[in-house]
Amino acid sequence: MEQHITDTYPPVSSRYIVTIALGFLALALILALPWMYWFQGRDLQHALLGPQPLYALLLGTVTGALFTPVAWYFFHRVPALQRNLRQLERMLPLRHMGVFDLLLIALSAGVGEEVLFRGAIQYALGLWGTSFLFGLMHPLSPSYVLYATVAGLLLGWLALVTQSLIAPIVCHTIIDTLLLWAARRESQQRILSSK
């Protein structure tokens, strides 16, 4: 039954996906930045960069580079996550997307979700509440909700440790870029090997 449902997604263009991603980014910034500034009374530059921006940038980069292979491993070892990966391949035209498209999608999610969740919501709900909400906002399957919750804990921890959003933004963007690129490459190889 699940196979039939996921095969019925209509084909979409990469331009449409990028437009949706950029629209989400704009909406997240429109919601989060005024909330952070007016209702939470936070200095946006300090919230973004924190007291040590180079340290935050480095920690976000290293954490993203280390987390990505672990995530990729679980996407290939946990059956429900394997199904989610195939579902993603059917929903998105990954094998037809250029690297720039993948980067724009990852950057939109990295900046938009981190400013919204770690910048605005975590300040109000705390690390655990925000991470759980972040997981629930990724409802592909219970396993994917768990994966997103764990990723949310990691990203929230980065925001707390560095007192900045730059670390979780960089980490999130690296994870999404590398995972989308790897899924694209795997999809292309699968097509080539089937010919």
N, C-alpha and C. Protein backbone atom coordinates (compact mmCIF):
# COMPACT_ATOMS: atom_id res chain seq x y z
N MET A 1 0.83 -1.21 0.00
CA MET A 1 0.00 0.00 0.00
C MET A 1 0.86 1.26 0.00
N GLU A 2 1.90 1.30 0.87
CA GLU A 2 2.76 2.49 0.93
C GLU A 2 3.45 2.72 -0.41
N GLN A 3 3.88 1.65 -1.07
CA GLN A 3 4.55 1.78 -2.36
C GLN A 3 3.63 2.47 -3.36
N HIS A 4 2.37 2.07 -3.39
CA HIS A 4 1.42 2.66 -4.33
C HIS A 4 1.20 4.15 -4.05
N ILE A 5 1.07 4.51 -2.78
CA ILE A 5 0.82 5.90 -2.41
C ILE A 5 2.01 6.78 -2.80
N THR A 6 3.22 6.34 -2.49
CA THR A 6 4.39 7.18 -2.75
C THR A 6 4.70 7.27 -4.24
N ASP A 7 4.24 6.32 -5.04
CA ASP A 7 4.47 6.39 -6.48
C ASP A 7 3.52 7.35 -7.18
N THR A 8 2.53 7.86 -6.48
CA THR A 8 1.54 8.73 -7.12
C THR A 8 1.89 10.21 -7.03
N TYR A 9 3.06 10.55 -6.49
CA TYR A 9 3.45 11.96 -6.45
C TYR A 9 3.59 12.47 -7.87
N PRO A 10 3.02 13.63 -8.17
CA PRO A 10 3.19 14.18 -9.51
C PRO A 10 4.63 14.67 -9.70
N PRO A 11 5.15 14.57 -10.91
CA PRO A 11 6.50 15.07 -11.14
C PRO A 11 6.54 16.59 -10.97
N VAL A 12 7.61 17.07 -10.35
CA VAL A 12 7.76 18.50 -10.16
C VAL A 12 9.11 18.93 -10.71
N SER A 13 9.20 20.19 -11.10
CA SER A 13 10.45 20.68 -11.65
C SER A 13 11.36 21.16 -10.53
N SER A 14 12.66 21.17 -10.82
CA SER A 14 13.61 21.65 -9.82
C SER A 14 13.39 23.14 -9.56
N ARG A 15 12.99 23.89 -10.56
CA ARG A 15 12.72 25.33 -10.37
C ARG A 15 11.58 25.52 -9.36
N TYR A 16 10.56 24.68 -9.43
CA TYR A 16 9.44 24.76 -8.50
C TYR A 16 9.91 24.46 -7.08
N ILE A 17 10.73 23.44 -6.91
CA ILE A 17 11.23 23.06 -5.59
C ILE A 17 12.08 24.19 -5.01
N VAL A 18 12.96 24.77 -5.83
CA VAL A 18 13.80 25.88 -5.36
C VAL A 18 12.94 27.08 -4.99
N THR A 19 11.90 27.36 -5.77
CA THR A 19 11.01 28.47 -5.46
C THR A 19 10.30 28.25 -4.13
N ILE A 20 9.83 27.04 -3.89
CA ILE A 20 9.18 26.70 -2.61
C ILE A 20 10.18 26.88 -1.46
N ALA A 21 11.41 26.41 -1.65
CA ALA A 21 12.44 26.53 -0.60
C ALA A 21 12.72 27.99 -0.28
N LEU A 22 12.86 28.81 -1.31
CA LEU A 22 13.13 30.23 -1.09
C LEU A 22 11.92 30.93 -0.46
N GLY A 23 10.72 30.51 -0.84
CA GLY A 23 9.51 31.04 -0.21
C GLY A 23 9.45 30.69 1.26
N PHE A 24 9.81 29.45 1.59
CA PHE A 24 9.86 29.06 3.00
C PHE A 24 10.87 29.91 3.76
N LEU A 25 12.04 30.13 3.16
CA LEU A 25 13.06 30.96 3.79
C LEU A 25 12.51 32.35 4.10
N ALA A 26 11.88 32.96 3.11
CA ALA A 26 11.32 34.30 3.32
C ALA A 26 10.27 34.29 4.43
N LEU A 27 9.38 33.32 4.43
CA LEU A 27 8.34 33.24 5.45
C LEU A 27 8.94 33.04 6.84
N ALA A 28 9.93 32.16 6.96
CA ALA A 28 10.57 31.91 8.25
C ALA A 28 11.23 33.17 8.78
N LEU A 29 11.90 33.90 7.91
CA LEU A 29 12.56 35.14 8.34
C LEU A 29 11.55 36.21 8.72
N ILE A 30 10.45 36.30 7.96
CA ILE A 30 9.40 37.27 8.25
C ILE A 30 8.75 36.98 9.61
N LEU A 31 8.62 35.70 9.95
CA LEU A 31 8.02 35.33 11.24
C LEU A 31 9.02 35.47 12.39
N ALA A 32 10.24 34.99 12.19
CA ALA A 32 11.18 34.87 13.30
C ALA A 32 11.89 36.16 13.66
N LEU A 33 12.37 36.90 12.67
CA LEU A 33 13.19 38.08 13.00
C LEU A 33 12.43 39.15 13.78
N PRO A 34 11.22 39.53 13.35
CA PRO A 34 10.48 40.50 14.18
C PRO A 34 10.17 39.96 15.57
N TRP A 35 9.86 38.68 15.66
CA TRP A 35 9.58 38.06 16.95
C TRP A 35 10.80 38.17 17.87
N MET A 36 11.96 37.84 17.32
CA MET A 36 13.19 37.90 18.11
C MET A 36 13.49 39.34 18.55
N TYR A 37 13.29 40.28 17.65
CA TYR A 37 13.66 41.67 17.92
C TYR A 37 12.66 42.37 18.83
N TRP A 38 11.39 42.32 18.45
CA TRP A 38 10.38 43.10 19.19
C TRP A 38 9.87 42.40 20.43
N PHE A 39 9.58 41.11 20.35
CA PHE A 39 8.96 40.43 21.48
C PHE A 39 9.97 39.82 22.45
N GLN A 40 11.12 39.40 21.93
CA GLN A 40 12.14 38.85 22.80
C GLN A 40 13.21 39.89 23.15
N GLY A 41 13.19 41.03 22.45
CA GLY A 41 14.13 42.10 22.74
C GLY A 41 15.58 41.74 22.50
N ARG A 42 15.84 40.93 21.48
CA ARG A 42 17.21 40.46 21.23
C ARG A 42 17.89 41.28 20.14
N ASP A 43 19.19 41.46 20.30
CA ASP A 43 20.02 42.09 19.29
C ASP A 43 20.25 41.04 18.19
N LEU A 44 19.74 41.30 16.99
CA LEU A 44 19.79 40.29 15.92
C LEU A 44 21.21 39.97 15.48
N GLN A 45 22.07 40.96 15.45
CA GLN A 45 23.45 40.69 15.05
C GLN A 45 24.13 39.77 16.06
N HIS A 46 23.92 40.04 17.34
CA HIS A 46 24.51 39.19 18.37
C HIS A 46 23.88 37.80 18.36
N ALA A 47 22.58 37.72 18.12
CA ALA A 47 21.91 36.41 18.06
C ALA A 47 22.46 35.58 16.90
N LEU A 48 22.75 36.23 15.78
CA LEU A 48 23.28 35.51 14.63
C LEU A 48 24.73 35.11 14.83
N LEU A 49 25.57 36.05 15.21
CA LEU A 49 27.01 35.80 15.24
C LEU A 49 27.54 35.33 16.60
N GLY A 50 26.89 35.74 17.68
CA GLY A 50 27.35 35.36 19.01
C GLY A 50 28.64 36.05 19.38
N PRO A 51 29.19 35.68 20.54
CA PRO A 51 30.40 36.34 21.01
C PRO A 51 31.67 35.92 20.26
N GLN A 52 31.68 34.72 19.68
CA GLN A 52 32.86 34.21 18.98
C GLN A 52 32.44 33.62 17.62
N PRO A 53 32.23 34.46 16.61
CA PRO A 53 31.70 33.96 15.34
C PRO A 53 32.61 32.96 14.62
N LEU A 54 33.92 33.14 14.71
CA LEU A 54 34.82 32.19 14.04
C LEU A 54 34.76 30.81 14.70
N TYR A 55 34.69 30.78 16.02
CA TYR A 55 34.54 29.52 16.74
C TYR A 55 33.21 28.86 16.37
N ALA A 56 32.14 29.65 16.31
CA ALA A 56 30.82 29.12 15.96
C ALA A 56 30.83 28.56 14.54
N LEU A 57 31.45 29.28 13.63
CA LEU A 57 31.55 28.83 12.24
C LEU A 57 32.32 27.52 12.14
N LEU A 58 33.43 27.44 12.83
CA LEU A 58 34.26 26.23 12.81
C LEU A 58 33.52 25.05 13.45
N LEU A 59 32.90 25.28 14.60
CA LEU A 59 32.19 24.19 15.28
C LEU A 59 31.00 23.71 14.44
N GLY A 60 30.28 24.62 13.82
CA GLY A 60 29.17 24.23 12.95
C GLY A 60 29.64 23.42 11.75
N THR A 61 30.76 23.82 11.16
CA THR A 61 31.32 23.12 10.01
C THR A 61 31.77 21.71 10.37
N VAL A 62 32.52 21.59 11.44
CA VAL A 62 33.03 20.28 11.87
C VAL A 62 31.88 19.37 12.27
N THR A 63 30.92 19.90 13.01
CA THR A 63 29.78 19.09 13.46
C THR A 63 28.97 18.60 12.26
N GLY A 64 28.72 19.48 11.29
CA GLY A 64 27.99 19.07 10.09
C GLY A 64 28.73 18.00 9.31
N ALA A 65 30.04 18.17 9.17
CA ALA A 65 30.85 17.19 8.43
C ALA A 65 30.89 15.85 9.14
N LEU A 66 30.85 15.84 10.46
CA LEU A 66 30.88 14.57 11.21
C LEU A 66 29.51 13.91 11.29
N PHE A 67 28.46 14.71 11.39
CA PHE A 67 27.11 14.16 11.53
C PHE A 67 26.60 13.55 10.23
N THR A 68 26.97 14.13 9.10
CA THR A 68 26.43 13.69 7.80
C THR A 68 26.69 12.21 7.51
N PRO A 69 27.93 11.70 7.64
CA PRO A 69 28.11 10.27 7.35
C PRO A 69 27.35 9.36 8.31
N VAL A 70 27.19 9.81 9.55
CA VAL A 70 26.41 9.02 10.52
C VAL A 70 24.94 8.97 10.07
N ALA A 71 24.41 10.13 9.66
CA ALA A 71 23.03 10.17 9.17
C ALA A 71 22.87 9.30 7.93
N TRP A 72 23.81 9.40 7.00
CA TRP A 72 23.74 8.61 5.76
C TRP A 72 23.77 7.11 6.07
N TYR A 73 24.58 6.73 7.04
CA TYR A 73 24.64 5.33 7.47
C TYR A 73 23.27 4.86 7.94
N PHE A 74 22.61 5.64 8.80
CA PHE A 74 21.30 5.26 9.31
C PHE A 74 20.24 5.27 8.21
N PHE A 75 20.36 6.17 7.24
CA PHE A 75 19.41 6.18 6.13
C PHE A 75 19.52 4.92 5.28
N HIS A 76 20.62 4.22 5.38
CA HIS A 76 20.79 2.97 4.64
C HIS A 76 20.63 1.73 5.50
N ARG A 77 20.55 1.87 6.80
CA ARG A 77 20.44 0.72 7.69
C ARG A 77 19.08 0.58 8.36
N VAL A 78 18.35 1.66 8.50
CA VAL A 78 17.02 1.61 9.14
C VAL A 78 15.98 1.55 8.02
N PRO A 79 15.22 0.44 7.93
CA PRO A 79 14.28 0.28 6.81
C PRO A 79 13.32 1.45 6.60
N ALA A 80 12.77 2.00 7.68
CA ALA A 80 11.84 3.13 7.52
C ALA A 80 12.55 4.34 6.94
N LEU A 81 13.79 4.59 7.33
CA LEU A 81 14.54 5.70 6.77
C LEU A 81 14.94 5.44 5.33
N GLN A 82 15.20 4.16 5.00
CA GLN A 82 15.44 3.80 3.59
C GLN A 82 14.23 4.15 2.74
N ARG A 83 13.04 3.82 3.25
CA ARG A 83 11.81 4.14 2.52
C ARG A 83 11.65 5.66 2.37
N ASN A 84 12.00 6.40 3.42
CA ASN A 84 11.93 7.87 3.34
C ASN A 84 12.88 8.41 2.29
N LEU A 85 14.05 7.81 2.17
CA LEU A 85 15.02 8.24 1.15
C LEU A 85 14.46 7.98 -0.25
N ARG A 86 13.86 6.83 -0.45
CA ARG A 86 13.25 6.51 -1.76
C ARG A 86 12.06 7.43 -2.02
N GLN A 87 11.30 7.73 -0.98
CA GLN A 87 10.16 8.65 -1.10
C GLN A 87 10.66 10.03 -1.54
N LEU A 88 11.75 10.48 -0.96
CA LEU A 88 12.34 11.76 -1.33
C LEU A 88 12.76 11.75 -2.80
N GLU A 89 13.34 10.65 -3.24
CA GLU A 89 13.75 10.54 -4.64
C GLU A 89 12.55 10.60 -5.58
N ARG A 90 11.42 10.04 -5.16
CA ARG A 90 10.22 10.07 -6.01
C ARG A 90 9.55 11.45 -6.00
N MET A 91 9.66 12.16 -4.86
CA MET A 91 9.01 13.46 -4.74
C MET A 91 9.81 14.57 -5.42
N LEU A 92 11.13 14.49 -5.33
CA LEU A 92 11.99 15.54 -5.87
C LEU A 92 12.73 15.04 -7.11
N PRO A 93 12.94 15.91 -8.07
CA PRO A 93 13.69 15.50 -9.27
C PRO A 93 15.20 15.57 -8.99
N LEU A 94 15.67 14.83 -7.97
CA LEU A 94 17.06 14.95 -7.53
C LEU A 94 18.06 14.71 -8.64
N ARG A 95 17.85 13.66 -9.43
CA ARG A 95 18.87 13.34 -10.44
C ARG A 95 18.96 14.38 -11.54
N HIS A 96 17.95 15.26 -11.64
CA HIS A 96 17.96 16.33 -12.64
C HIS A 96 18.38 17.68 -12.06
N MET A 97 18.62 17.71 -10.76
CA MET A 97 18.95 18.97 -10.11
C MET A 97 20.45 19.23 -10.17
N GLY A 98 20.79 20.48 -10.39
CA GLY A 98 22.19 20.87 -10.37
C GLY A 98 22.67 21.09 -8.94
N VAL A 99 23.96 21.17 -8.78
CA VAL A 99 24.54 21.38 -7.46
C VAL A 99 24.07 22.72 -6.88
N PHE A 100 23.93 23.74 -7.72
CA PHE A 100 23.46 25.04 -7.24
C PHE A 100 22.04 24.94 -6.70
N ASP A 101 21.17 24.17 -7.37
CA ASP A 101 19.81 23.97 -6.87
C ASP A 101 19.83 23.30 -5.50
N LEU A 102 20.65 22.25 -5.37
CA LEU A 102 20.74 21.54 -4.10
C LEU A 102 21.25 22.48 -2.99
N LEU A 103 22.22 23.30 -3.33
CA LEU A 103 22.76 24.24 -2.35
C LEU A 103 21.72 25.28 -1.94
N LEU A 104 20.94 25.78 -2.89
CA LEU A 104 19.89 26.75 -2.55
C LEU A 104 18.83 26.14 -1.64
N ILE A 105 18.45 24.90 -1.92
CA ILE A 105 17.47 24.22 -1.08
C ILE A 105 18.02 24.02 0.32
N ALA A 106 19.27 23.54 0.42
CA ALA A 106 19.89 23.31 1.72
C ALA A 106 20.09 24.61 2.49
N LEU A 107 20.49 25.66 1.80
CA LEU A 107 20.70 26.96 2.45
C LEU A 107 19.37 27.55 2.93
N SER A 108 18.33 27.39 2.13
CA SER A 108 17.01 27.88 2.54
C SER A 108 16.53 27.18 3.81
N ALA A 109 16.70 25.86 3.85
CA ALA A 109 16.31 25.11 5.05
C ALA A 109 17.22 25.44 6.23
N GLY A 110 18.52 25.49 5.97
CA GLY A 110 19.48 25.77 7.04
C GLY A 110 19.24 27.12 7.69
N VAL A 111 19.10 28.16 6.88
CA VAL A 111 18.89 29.50 7.43
C VAL A 111 17.46 29.62 7.98
N GLY A 112 16.47 29.26 7.18
CA GLY A 112 15.07 29.44 7.58
C GLY A 112 14.71 28.66 8.83
N GLU A 113 15.02 27.37 8.86
CA GLU A 113 14.64 26.55 10.01
C GLU A 113 15.43 26.93 11.25
N GLU A 114 16.69 27.27 11.09
CA GLU A 114 17.48 27.60 12.28
C GLU A 114 17.09 28.95 12.87
N VAL A 115 16.85 29.94 12.04
CA VAL A 115 16.41 31.23 12.58
C VAL A 115 15.05 31.06 13.26
N LEU A 116 14.16 30.30 12.65
CA LEU A 116 12.83 30.09 13.23
C LEU A 116 12.89 29.24 14.49
N PHE A 117 13.51 28.04 14.39
CA PHE A 117 13.47 27.11 15.52
C PHE A 117 14.48 27.46 16.60
N ARG A 118 15.76 27.58 16.24
CA ARG A 118 16.77 27.87 17.26
C ARG A 118 16.79 29.34 17.64
N GLY A 119 16.44 30.23 16.72
CA GLY A 119 16.47 31.66 17.03
C GLY A 119 15.27 32.14 17.81
N ALA A 120 14.08 31.77 17.36
CA ALA A 120 12.86 32.28 18.00
C ALA A 120 12.23 31.27 18.96
N ILE A 121 11.98 30.07 18.47
CA ILE A 121 11.21 29.10 19.27
C ILE A 121 12.01 28.55 20.44
N GLN A 122 13.29 28.20 20.21
CA GLN A 122 14.09 27.64 21.31
C GLN A 122 14.23 28.63 22.46
N TYR A 123 14.27 29.89 22.13
CA TYR A 123 14.37 30.93 23.16
C TYR A 123 13.14 30.89 24.08
N ALA A 124 12.01 30.45 23.53
CA ALA A 124 10.77 30.38 24.32
C ALA A 124 10.52 28.99 24.91
N LEU A 125 10.76 27.92 24.14
CA LEU A 125 10.41 26.57 24.58
C LEU A 125 11.56 25.77 25.16
N GLY A 126 12.79 26.23 24.99
CA GLY A 126 13.94 25.48 25.46
C GLY A 126 14.38 24.43 24.45
N LEU A 127 15.49 23.78 24.76
CA LEU A 127 16.11 22.82 23.84
C LEU A 127 15.21 21.62 23.55
N TRP A 128 14.70 20.97 24.57
CA TRP A 128 13.94 19.74 24.37
C TRP A 128 12.60 20.00 23.69
N GLY A 129 11.88 21.01 24.12
CA GLY A 129 10.58 21.32 23.51
C GLY A 129 10.73 21.70 22.04
N THR A 130 11.74 22.50 21.74
CA THR A 130 11.96 22.92 20.35
C THR A 130 12.40 21.74 19.49
N SER A 131 13.26 20.88 20.02
CA SER A 131 13.73 19.72 19.25
C SER A 131 12.58 18.77 18.95
N PHE A 132 11.72 18.57 19.93
CA PHE A 132 10.55 17.70 19.71
C PHE A 132 9.62 18.31 18.66
N LEU A 133 9.38 19.61 18.75
CA LEU A 133 8.55 20.29 17.76
C LEU A 133 9.19 20.22 16.38
N PHE A 134 10.50 20.41 16.31
CA PHE A 134 11.24 20.30 15.06
C PHE A 134 11.04 18.91 14.45
N GLY A 135 11.13 17.88 15.28
CA GLY A 135 10.90 16.52 14.80
C GLY A 135 9.48 16.34 14.26
N LEU A 136 8.50 16.87 14.98
CA LEU A 136 7.11 16.74 14.55
C LEU A 136 6.83 17.48 13.24
N MET A 137 7.63 18.48 12.93
CA MET A 137 7.44 19.23 11.68
C MET A 137 8.07 18.52 10.48
N HIS A 138 8.60 17.31 10.69
CA HIS A 138 9.18 16.49 9.63
C HIS A 138 8.49 15.12 9.64
N PRO A 139 7.18 15.07 9.35
CA PRO A 139 6.38 13.86 9.59
C PRO A 139 6.37 12.81 8.47
N LEU A 140 7.51 12.55 7.85
CA LEU A 140 7.53 11.52 6.80
C LEU A 140 7.24 10.14 7.35
N SER A 141 7.73 9.86 8.54
CA SER A 141 7.49 8.59 9.23
C SER A 141 7.91 8.78 10.68
N PRO A 142 7.50 7.86 11.57
CA PRO A 142 7.96 7.97 12.96
C PRO A 142 9.49 7.95 13.07
N SER A 143 10.14 7.14 12.23
CA SER A 143 11.62 7.10 12.27
C SER A 143 12.21 8.43 11.84
N TYR A 144 11.60 9.08 10.86
CA TYR A 144 12.12 10.36 10.39
C TYR A 144 11.86 11.46 11.42
N VAL A 145 10.74 11.38 12.12
CA VAL A 145 10.47 12.32 13.21
C VAL A 145 11.55 12.16 14.28
N LEU A 146 11.91 10.91 14.60
CA LEU A 146 12.96 10.66 15.58
C LEU A 146 14.30 11.21 15.09
N TYR A 147 14.63 10.95 13.82
CA TYR A 147 15.87 11.47 13.24
C TYR A 147 15.91 13.00 13.33
N ALA A 148 14.81 13.66 12.94
CA ALA A 148 14.77 15.12 12.96
C ALA A 148 14.83 15.66 14.39
N THR A 149 14.26 14.92 15.35
CA THR A 149 14.34 15.34 16.75
C THR A 149 15.78 15.27 17.24
N VAL A 150 16.48 14.19 16.91
CA VAL A 150 17.89 14.07 17.29
C VAL A 150 18.72 15.16 16.62
N ALA A 151 18.47 15.40 15.33
CA ALA A 151 19.18 16.48 14.63
C ALA A 151 18.85 17.82 15.28
N GLY A 152 17.60 18.02 15.68
CA GLY A 152 17.20 19.24 16.36
C GLY A 152 17.92 19.43 17.69
N LEU A 153 18.12 18.33 18.42
CA LEU A 153 18.89 18.41 19.67
C LEU A 153 20.32 18.84 19.41
N LEU A 154 20.92 18.28 18.37
CA LEU A 154 22.29 18.64 18.01
C LEU A 154 22.37 20.11 17.60
N LEU A 155 21.46 20.55 16.76
CA LEU A 155 21.46 21.94 16.30
C LEU A 155 21.16 22.91 17.44
N GLY A 156 20.25 22.53 18.31
CA GLY A 156 19.95 23.36 19.47
C GLY A 156 21.12 23.45 20.43
N TRP A 157 21.82 22.33 20.60
CA TRP A 157 23.02 22.33 21.44
C TRP A 157 24.07 23.28 20.87
N LEU A 158 24.24 23.26 19.55
CA LEU A 158 25.19 24.18 18.91
C LEU A 158 24.82 25.63 19.19
N ALA A 159 23.53 25.94 19.10
CA ALA A 159 23.08 27.31 19.37
C ALA A 159 23.36 27.70 20.82
N LEU A 160 23.16 26.77 21.75
CA LEU A 160 23.41 27.07 23.16
C LEU A 160 24.91 27.23 23.46
N VAL A 161 25.71 26.31 22.93
CA VAL A 161 27.14 26.32 23.22
C VAL A 161 27.83 27.56 22.64
N THR A 162 27.44 27.94 21.43
CA THR A 162 28.09 29.08 20.77
C THR A 162 27.38 30.40 21.02
N GLN A 163 26.18 30.34 21.60
CA GLN A 163 25.34 31.52 21.79
C GLN A 163 25.14 32.28 20.48
N SER A 164 24.97 31.50 19.41
CA SER A 164 24.80 32.10 18.09
C SER A 164 23.94 31.19 17.22
N LEU A 165 23.47 31.74 16.12
CA LEU A 165 22.74 30.94 15.13
C LEU A 165 23.64 30.50 13.99
N ILE A 166 24.81 31.10 13.86
CA ILE A 166 25.68 30.77 12.73
C ILE A 166 26.12 29.30 12.79
N ALA A 167 26.39 28.78 13.97
CA ALA A 167 26.82 27.39 14.09
C ALA A 167 25.73 26.42 13.62
N PRO A 168 24.49 26.51 14.13
CA PRO A 168 23.47 25.58 13.63
C PRO A 168 23.11 25.83 12.17
N ILE A 169 23.18 27.08 11.70
CA ILE A 169 22.88 27.35 10.29
C ILE A 169 23.90 26.65 9.40
N VAL A 170 25.17 26.80 9.72
CA VAL A 170 26.23 26.18 8.91
C VAL A 170 26.13 24.66 8.99
N CYS A 171 25.94 24.12 10.19
CA CYS A 171 25.82 22.67 10.37
C CYS A 171 24.65 22.12 9.56
N HIS A 172 23.48 22.73 9.71
CA HIS A 172 22.26 22.29 9.02
C HIS A 172 22.45 22.35 7.51
N THR A 173 23.04 23.43 7.02
CA THR A 173 23.25 23.60 5.58
C THR A 173 24.20 22.55 5.05
N ILE A 174 25.27 22.26 5.78
CA ILE A 174 26.23 21.23 5.34
C ILE A 174 25.56 19.87 5.31
N ILE A 175 24.82 19.53 6.37
CA ILE A 175 24.14 18.23 6.41
C ILE A 175 23.18 18.08 5.23
N ASP A 176 22.32 19.07 5.02
CA ASP A 176 21.34 18.98 3.95
C ASP A 176 22.00 18.96 2.58
N THR A 177 23.03 19.77 2.38
CA THR A 177 23.73 19.80 1.09
C THR A 177 24.34 18.45 0.78
N LEU A 178 25.08 17.90 1.74
CA LEU A 178 25.76 16.63 1.50
C LEU A 178 24.79 15.47 1.36
N LEU A 179 23.72 15.46 2.17
CA LEU A 179 22.74 14.38 2.06
C LEU A 179 21.98 14.45 0.73
N LEU A 180 21.59 15.66 0.32
CA LEU A 180 20.90 15.80 -0.97
C LEU A 180 21.82 15.43 -2.13
N TRP A 181 23.08 15.84 -2.04
CA TRP A 181 24.04 15.51 -3.10
C TRP A 181 24.26 14.00 -3.17
N ALA A 182 24.40 13.35 -2.01
CA ALA A 182 24.60 11.90 -1.98
C ALA A 182 23.36 11.17 -2.50
N ALA A 183 22.17 11.63 -2.14
CA ALA A 183 20.93 11.02 -2.63
C ALA A 183 20.81 11.22 -4.14
N ARG A 184 21.19 12.38 -4.63
CA ARG A 184 21.18 12.65 -6.07
C ARG A 184 22.12 11.71 -6.81
N ARG A 185 23.31 11.58 -6.28
CA ARG A 185 24.31 10.71 -6.92
C ARG A 185 23.85 9.25 -6.91
N GLU A 186 23.30 8.81 -5.78
CA GLU A 186 22.80 7.44 -5.68
C GLU A 186 21.66 7.20 -6.67
N SER A 187 20.77 8.18 -6.80
CA SER A 187 19.65 8.07 -7.74
C SER A 187 20.17 7.98 -9.18
N GLN A 188 21.14 8.81 -9.52
CA GLN A 188 21.72 8.77 -10.86
C GLN A 188 22.39 7.43 -11.14
N GLN A 189 23.11 6.91 -10.17
CA GLN A 189 23.79 5.61 -10.34
C GLN A 189 22.79 4.48 -10.48
N ARG A 190 21.70 4.56 -9.74
CA ARG A 190 20.67 3.53 -9.85
C ARG A 190 20.06 3.51 -11.25
N ILE A 191 19.84 4.68 -11.82
CA ILE A 191 19.29 4.77 -13.17
C ILE A 191 20.28 4.20 -14.18
N LEU A 192 21.55 4.56 -14.04
CA LEU A 192 22.58 4.06 -14.97
C LEU A 192 22.75 2.56 -14.88
N SER A 193 22.70 2.00 -13.66
CA SER A 193 22.89 0.56 -13.50
C SER A 193 21.68 -0.23 -13.98
N SER A 194 20.51 0.40 -14.06
CA SER A 194 19.32 -0.30 -14.54
C SER A 194 19.23 -0.36 -16.06
N LYS A 195 20.08 0.40 -16.74
CA LYS A 195 20.04 0.40 -18.22
C LYS A 195 20.82 -0.74 -18.80
